[in-house]
Amino acid sequence: MSRPTRDELVARLIRAGELEISGENPEEVAGYFDTDRFRFHGPDGFETDFAGLDAYFASLRTAFDDRTIRRGVIVVEGDRLACQTWIEGTFVRPFTQSPVGLLAPNGARVVWDLINIFRFDDEGRIVEEHVRTDNRAVLRQLGTDAA
């Protein structure tokens, strides 16, 4: 198998995000990751593996209706891909994995504005993700005083 092209990496990233947000086809989404080696590095030193990332997206799907994900500028350099990401949803049920724990819904439209850096293996699977976001802005939208 030859190393994936730039366009193939971009397409894989976009599809993986769409599947995580929708919750469709968990087997397919897992195929976009090296589920054994994957590591997530988030704001404030948060670290997790693929199971933790998958659980986070499950909590988003439970708490938020009308979810969307879109990618902005995407830059590819070798096995690394950096991009802008916006995840949005309407906060209608309890959110168990907010930066401050369980939060009650407030009915607001919430937007996560992210900068992501992904590393892919030779098979085009995501093995590492670094995320930066403004948790204070997210908490404000979620309606918590912790913001």
C-alpha atoms as a PDB file:
ATOM      1  CA  MET A   1       0.000   0.000   0.000  1.00  0.00           C
ATOM      2  CA  SER A   2       1.401   3.405  -0.947  1.00  0.00           C
ATOM      3  CA  ARG A   3       1.462   6.326   1.430  1.00  0.00           C
ATOM      4  CA  PRO A   4      -1.785   8.373   1.224  1.00  0.00           C
ATOM      5  CA  THR A   5      -1.707  11.584  -0.785  1.00  0.00           C
ATOM      6  CA  ARG A   6      -2.412  15.011   0.652  1.00  0.00           C
ATOM      7  CA  ASP A   7      -5.953  14.928  -0.740  1.00  0.00           C
ATOM      8  CA  GLU A   8      -6.564  11.457   0.709  1.00  0.00           C
ATOM      9  CA  LEU A   9      -5.432  12.597   4.179  1.00  0.00           C
ATOM     10  CA  VAL A  10      -7.730  15.631   4.006  1.00  0.00           C
ATOM     11  CA  ALA A  11     -10.671  13.472   2.890  1.00  0.00           C
ATOM     12  CA  ARG A  12     -10.013  10.955   5.686  1.00  0.00           C
ATOM     13  CA  LEU A  13      -9.860  13.709   8.301  1.00  0.00           C
ATOM     14  CA  ILE A  14     -13.107  15.293   7.118  1.00  0.00           C
ATOM     15  CA  ARG A  15     -14.923  11.941   7.058  1.00  0.00           C
ATOM     16  CA  ALA A  16     -13.642  10.927  10.517  1.00  0.00           C
ATOM     17  CA  GLY A  17     -14.966  14.193  11.984  1.00  0.00           C
ATOM     18  CA  GLU A  18     -18.340  13.803  10.304  1.00  0.00           C
ATOM     19  CA  LEU A  19     -18.700  10.276  11.674  1.00  0.00           C
ATOM     20  CA  GLU A  20     -17.691  11.256  15.220  1.00  0.00           C
ATOM     21  CA  ILE A  21     -20.257  14.082  15.246  1.00  0.00           C
ATOM     22  CA  SER A  22     -23.057  11.994  13.716  1.00  0.00           C
ATOM     23  CA  GLY A  23     -22.356   8.759  15.599  1.00  0.00           C
ATOM     24  CA  GLU A  24     -22.847   6.777  12.402  1.00  0.00           C
ATOM     25  CA  ASN A  25     -20.825   3.664  11.705  1.00  0.00           C
ATOM     26  CA  PRO A  26     -18.447   3.333  14.687  1.00  0.00           C
ATOM     27  CA  GLU A  27     -16.485   0.629  12.855  1.00  0.00           C
ATOM     28  CA  GLU A  28     -15.752   3.007   9.981  1.00  0.00           C
ATOM     29  CA  VAL A  29     -14.681   5.845  12.284  1.00  0.00           C
ATOM     30  CA  ALA A  30     -12.304   3.511  14.136  1.00  0.00           C
ATOM     31  CA  GLY A  31     -10.674   2.723  10.784  1.00  0.00           C
ATOM     32  CA  TYR A  32      -9.536   6.345  10.481  1.00  0.00           C
ATOM     33  CA  PHE A  33      -7.491   6.024  13.708  1.00  0.00           C
ATOM     34  CA  ASP A  34      -4.743   3.767  15.010  1.00  0.00           C
ATOM     35  CA  THR A  35      -6.965   2.928  17.959  1.00  0.00           C
ATOM     36  CA  ASP A  36      -4.135   1.272  19.914  1.00  0.00           C
ATOM     37  CA  ARG A  37      -1.554   4.043  19.587  1.00  0.00           C
ATOM     38  CA  PHE A  38      -3.748   7.162  19.257  1.00  0.00           C
ATOM     39  CA  ARG A  39      -3.059   9.962  21.728  1.00  0.00           C
ATOM     40  CA  PHE A  40      -5.065  13.167  22.184  1.00  0.00           C
ATOM     41  CA  HIS A  41      -3.423  16.260  23.685  1.00  0.00           C
ATOM     42  CA  GLY A  42      -5.929  18.951  24.661  1.00  0.00           C
ATOM     43  CA  PRO A  43      -6.107  22.286  26.462  1.00  0.00           C
ATOM     44  CA  ASP A  44      -4.891  22.570  30.049  1.00  0.00           C
ATOM     45  CA  GLY A  45      -2.856  19.355  29.824  1.00  0.00           C
ATOM     46  CA  PHE A  46      -5.829  17.074  29.078  1.00  0.00           C
ATOM     47  CA  GLU A  47      -4.631  13.746  27.639  1.00  0.00           C
ATOM     48  CA  THR A  48      -6.587  10.710  26.475  1.00  0.00           C
ATOM     49  CA  ASP A  49      -6.582   7.750  24.096  1.00  0.00           C
ATOM     50  CA  PHE A  50      -8.987   6.737  21.331  1.00  0.00           C
ATOM     51  CA  ALA A  51     -11.564   5.344  23.792  1.00  0.00           C
ATOM     52  CA  GLY A  52     -11.516   8.661  25.675  1.00  0.00           C
ATOM     53  CA  LEU A  53     -11.938  10.674  22.471  1.00  0.00           C
ATOM     54  CA  ASP A  54     -14.782   8.431  21.372  1.00  0.00           C
ATOM     55  CA  ALA A  55     -16.465   8.816  24.799  1.00  0.00           C
ATOM     56  CA  TYR A  56     -16.140  12.606  24.538  1.00  0.00           C
ATOM     57  CA  PHE A  57     -17.882  12.623  21.157  1.00  0.00           C
ATOM     58  CA  ALA A  58     -20.580  10.300  22.543  1.00  0.00           C
ATOM     59  CA  SER A  59     -21.219  12.875  25.299  1.00  0.00           C
ATOM     60  CA  LEU A  60     -21.511  15.625  22.649  1.00  0.00           C
ATOM     61  CA  ARG A  61     -23.993  13.560  20.668  1.00  0.00           C
ATOM     62  CA  THR A  62     -26.061  12.984  23.816  1.00  0.00           C
ATOM     63  CA  ALA A  63     -26.073  16.611  25.008  1.00  0.00           C
ATOM     64  CA  PHE A  64     -26.321  18.542  21.731  1.00  0.00           C
ATOM     65  CA  ASP A  65     -28.859  18.476  18.896  1.00  0.00           C
ATOM     66  CA  ASP A  66     -28.319  19.833  15.366  1.00  0.00           C
ATOM     67  CA  ARG A  67     -24.587  19.054  15.535  1.00  0.00           C
ATOM     68  CA  THR A  68     -22.294  20.126  12.735  1.00  0.00           C
ATOM     69  CA  ILE A  69     -18.566  20.091  12.065  1.00  0.00           C
ATOM     70  CA  ARG A  70     -16.723  22.070   9.445  1.00  0.00           C
ATOM     71  CA  ARG A  71     -13.091  22.518   8.588  1.00  0.00           C
ATOM     72  CA  GLY A  72     -11.502  25.802   7.534  1.00  0.00           C
ATOM     73  CA  VAL A  73      -7.931  26.305   6.391  1.00  0.00           C
ATOM     74  CA  ILE A  74      -6.108  22.967   6.115  1.00  0.00           C
ATOM     75  CA  VAL A  75      -2.321  22.765   5.798  1.00  0.00           C
ATOM     76  CA  VAL A  76      -0.561  19.465   5.101  1.00  0.00           C
ATOM     77  CA  GLU A  77       3.163  18.935   5.605  1.00  0.00           C
ATOM     78  CA  GLY A  78       4.332  15.330   5.311  1.00  0.00           C
ATOM     79  CA  ASP A  79       2.488  13.229   7.905  1.00  0.00           C
ATOM     80  CA  ARG A  80       1.067  16.304   9.718  1.00  0.00           C
ATOM     81  CA  LEU A  81      -2.170  18.132   9.006  1.00  0.00           C
ATOM     82  CA  ALA A  82      -3.176  21.378  10.731  1.00  0.00           C
ATOM     83  CA  CYS A  83      -6.615  22.906  10.416  1.00  0.00           C
ATOM     84  CA  GLN A  84      -9.304  25.158  11.782  1.00  0.00           C
ATOM     85  CA  THR A  85     -12.363  23.301  13.043  1.00  0.00           C
ATOM     86  CA  TRP A  86     -15.767  24.487  14.196  1.00  0.00           C
ATOM     87  CA  ILE A  87     -18.081  22.117  16.032  1.00  0.00           C
ATOM     88  CA  GLU A  88     -21.562  23.425  16.789  1.00  0.00           C
ATOM     89  CA  GLY A  89     -24.677  22.142  18.493  1.00  0.00           C
ATOM     90  CA  THR A  90     -27.728  23.156  20.490  1.00  0.00           C
ATOM     91  CA  PHE A  91     -27.282  22.370  24.208  1.00  0.00           C
ATOM     92  CA  VAL A  92     -30.496  20.492  25.114  1.00  0.00           C
ATOM     93  CA  ARG A  93     -29.497  17.673  27.511  1.00  0.00           C
ATOM     94  CA  PRO A  94     -26.919  17.344  30.331  1.00  0.00           C
ATOM     95  CA  PHE A  95     -23.303  17.510  29.162  1.00  0.00           C
ATOM     96  CA  THR A  96     -21.155  15.092  31.151  1.00  0.00           C
ATOM     97  CA  GLN A  97     -17.752  15.976  29.709  1.00  0.00           C
ATOM     98  CA  SER A  98     -17.522  19.753  29.847  1.00  0.00           C
ATOM     99  CA  PRO A  99     -14.203  21.208  31.044  1.00  0.00           C
ATOM    100  CA  VAL A 100     -15.795  21.552  34.512  1.00  0.00           C
ATOM    101  CA  GLY A 101     -17.811  18.328  34.565  1.00  0.00           C
ATOM    102  CA  LEU A 102     -21.569  17.803  34.397  1.00  0.00           C
ATOM    103  CA  LEU A 103     -23.581  20.816  33.201  1.00  0.00           C
ATOM    104  CA  ALA A 104     -27.334  21.257  32.814  1.00  0.00           C
ATOM    105  CA  PRO A 105     -28.583  22.337  29.374  1.00  0.00           C
ATOM    106  CA  ASN A 106     -29.336  25.986  28.627  1.00  0.00           C
ATOM    107  CA  GLY A 107     -30.793  25.673  25.111  1.00  0.00           C
ATOM    108  CA  ALA A 108     -27.991  27.799  23.603  1.00  0.00           C
ATOM    109  CA  ARG A 109     -26.212  27.229  20.321  1.00  0.00           C
ATOM    110  CA  VAL A 110     -22.611  26.417  21.320  1.00  0.00           C
ATOM    111  CA  VAL A 111     -19.592  26.772  19.019  1.00  0.00           C
ATOM    112  CA  TRP A 112     -16.213  25.189  19.676  1.00  0.00           C
ATOM    113  CA  ASP A 113     -13.581  27.101  17.683  1.00  0.00           C
ATOM    114  CA  LEU A 114     -10.562  24.800  17.474  1.00  0.00           C
ATOM    115  CA  ILE A 115      -7.086  24.635  16.018  1.00  0.00           C
ATOM    116  CA  ASN A 116      -6.038  21.018  15.470  1.00  0.00           C
ATOM    117  CA  ILE A 117      -2.749  19.410  14.495  1.00  0.00           C
ATOM    118  CA  PHE A 118      -2.985  15.754  13.458  1.00  0.00           C
ATOM    119  CA  ARG A 119      -0.233  13.221  12.799  1.00  0.00           C
ATOM    120  CA  PHE A 120      -0.954  10.299  10.474  1.00  0.00           C
ATOM    121  CA  ASP A 121       0.786   6.948  10.085  1.00  0.00           C
ATOM    122  CA  ASP A 122       1.858   5.444   6.744  1.00  0.00           C
ATOM    123  CA  GLU A 123      -1.596   3.880   6.337  1.00  0.00           C
ATOM    124  CA  GLY A 124      -3.382   7.239   6.661  1.00  0.00           C
ATOM    125  CA  ARG A 125      -4.642   6.597  10.201  1.00  0.00           C
ATOM    126  CA  ILE A 126      -4.613   9.354  12.811  1.00  0.00           C
ATOM    127  CA  VAL A 127      -2.122   8.515  15.564  1.00  0.00           C
ATOM    128  CA  GLU A 128      -1.952  11.835  17.383  1.00  0.00           C
ATOM    129  CA  GLU A 129      -4.012  15.001  17.758  1.00  0.00           C
ATOM    130  CA  HIS A 130      -3.179  18.291  19.446  1.00  0.00           C
ATOM    131  CA  VAL A 131      -6.095  20.678  20.060  1.00  0.00           C
ATOM    132  CA  ARG A 132      -6.195  24.290  21.170  1.00  0.00           C
ATOM    133  CA  THR A 133      -9.433  26.062  21.995  1.00  0.00           C
ATOM    134  CA  ASP A 134     -10.694  28.821  24.245  1.00  0.00           C
ATOM    135  CA  ASN A 135     -12.334  26.839  27.062  1.00  0.00           C
ATOM    136  CA  ARG A 136     -13.435  30.077  28.712  1.00  0.00           C
ATOM    137  CA  ALA A 137     -15.512  30.993  25.646  1.00  0.00           C
ATOM    138  CA  VAL A 138     -16.999  27.492  25.539  1.00  0.00           C
ATOM    139  CA  LEU A 139     -17.880  27.605  29.245  1.00  0.00           C
ATOM    140  CA  ARG A 140     -19.517  31.013  28.793  1.00  0.00           C
ATOM    141  CA  GLN A 141     -21.682  29.575  25.997  1.00  0.00           C
ATOM    142  CA  LEU A 142     -22.529  26.571  28.160  1.00  0.00           C
ATOM    143  CA  GLY A 143     -23.853  29.006  30.763  1.00  0.00           C
ATOM    144  CA  THR A 144     -21.505  28.256  33.636  1.00  0.00           C
ATOM    145  CA  ASP A 145     -20.094  30.724  36.134  1.00  0.00           C
ATOM    146  CA  ALA A 146     -16.718  28.969  35.807  1.00  0.00           C
ATOM    147  CA  ALA A 147     -16.090  31.104  32.710  1.00  0.00           C
END
